[in-house]
């Protein structure tokens, strides 16, 4: 996993938060801003509880 401005890679997934696209293998899925922010938060805190 990498810092903001980069692409996060985890398992078969890649998240590009700048453009809001989540890739599973090579299949893109557009995400909204809130979904990207939430996924990015969960990735950055992997293995730790995250409060609401």
C-alpha atoms as a PDB file:
ATOM      1  CA  UNK A   1       0.000   0.000   0.000  1.00  0.00           C
ATOM      2  CA  UNK A   2       1.210   3.484  -0.754  1.00  0.00           C
ATOM      3  CA  UNK A   3       0.608   7.073   0.321  1.00  0.00           C
ATOM      4  CA  UNK A   4      -1.966   9.587  -0.917  1.00  0.00           C
ATOM      5  CA  UNK A   5      -1.574  10.539  -4.558  1.00  0.00           C
ATOM      6  CA  UNK A   6      -0.556   7.003  -5.449  1.00  0.00           C
ATOM      7  CA  UNK A   7      -2.382   3.788  -6.207  1.00  0.00           C
ATOM      8  CA  UNK A   8      -3.178   1.425  -3.323  1.00  0.00           C
ATOM      9  CA  UNK A   9      -2.676  -2.263  -4.133  1.00  0.00           C
ATOM     10  CA  UNK A  10      -4.174  -5.030  -2.018  1.00  0.00           C
ATOM     11  CA  UNK A  11      -4.880  -8.581  -3.136  1.00  0.00           C
ATOM     12  CA  UNK A  12      -6.384  -8.529  -6.642  1.00  0.00           C
ATOM     13  CA  UNK A  13      -7.477  -4.895  -6.165  1.00  0.00           C
ATOM     14  CA  UNK A  14      -6.030  -1.497  -7.048  1.00  0.00           C
ATOM     15  CA  UNK A  15      -7.550   1.760  -5.838  1.00  0.00           C
ATOM     16  CA  UNK A  16      -6.750   5.007  -7.612  1.00  0.00           C
ATOM     17  CA  UNK A  17      -8.231   7.595  -5.245  1.00  0.00           C
ATOM     18  CA  UNK A  18      -7.387  10.544  -7.510  1.00  0.00           C
ATOM     19  CA  UNK A  19      -9.823   9.385 -10.198  1.00  0.00           C
ATOM     20  CA  UNK A  20     -12.128   7.291  -7.984  1.00  0.00           C
ATOM     21  CA  UNK A  21     -11.628   3.949  -9.698  1.00  0.00           C
ATOM     22  CA  UNK A  22     -11.310   0.572  -8.000  1.00  0.00           C
ATOM     23  CA  UNK A  23      -9.898  -2.190 -10.171  1.00  0.00           C
ATOM     24  CA  UNK A  24     -10.448  -5.888  -9.494  1.00  0.00           C
ATOM     25  CA  UNK A  25      -7.765  -7.478 -11.660  1.00  0.00           C
ATOM     26  CA  UNK A  26      -8.299  -5.303 -14.774  1.00  0.00           C
ATOM     27  CA  UNK A  27     -12.033  -4.657 -14.311  1.00  0.00           C
ATOM     28  CA  UNK A  28     -12.664  -0.994 -13.348  1.00  0.00           C
ATOM     29  CA  UNK A  29     -15.462   0.156 -11.040  1.00  0.00           C
ATOM     30  CA  UNK A  30     -16.184   3.856 -10.569  1.00  0.00           C
ATOM     31  CA  UNK A  31     -16.661   4.892  -6.940  1.00  0.00           C
ATOM     32  CA  UNK A  32     -18.115   8.044  -5.422  1.00  0.00           C
ATOM     33  CA  UNK A  33     -16.028  10.374  -3.267  1.00  0.00           C
ATOM     34  CA  UNK A  34     -17.372   9.031   0.036  1.00  0.00           C
ATOM     35  CA  UNK A  35     -16.736   5.420  -0.971  1.00  0.00           C
ATOM     36  CA  UNK A  36     -13.174   6.267  -2.034  1.00  0.00           C
ATOM     37  CA  UNK A  37     -12.518   8.133   1.229  1.00  0.00           C
ATOM     38  CA  UNK A  38     -13.902   5.254   3.318  1.00  0.00           C
ATOM     39  CA  UNK A  39     -11.970   2.592   1.426  1.00  0.00           C
ATOM     40  CA  UNK A  40      -8.793   4.659   1.642  1.00  0.00           C
ATOM     41  CA  UNK A  41      -9.271   5.043   5.422  1.00  0.00           C
ATOM     42  CA  UNK A  42      -9.804   1.298   5.850  1.00  0.00           C
ATOM     43  CA  UNK A  43      -6.732   0.492   3.735  1.00  0.00           C
ATOM     44  CA  UNK A  44      -4.557   2.902   5.692  1.00  0.00           C
ATOM     45  CA  UNK A  45      -5.721   1.327   8.966  1.00  0.00           C
ATOM     46  CA  UNK A  46      -5.699  -2.312   7.846  1.00  0.00           C
ATOM     47  CA  UNK A  47      -5.899  -4.710  10.779  1.00  0.00           C
ATOM     48  CA  UNK A  48      -7.002  -1.989  13.198  1.00  0.00           C
ATOM     49  CA  UNK A  49     -10.478  -1.003  14.373  1.00  0.00           C
ATOM     50  CA  UNK A  50     -11.745   2.261  12.882  1.00  0.00           C
ATOM     51  CA  UNK A  51     -14.335   4.380  14.680  1.00  0.00           C
ATOM     52  CA  UNK A  52     -17.289   5.989  12.956  1.00  0.00           C
END
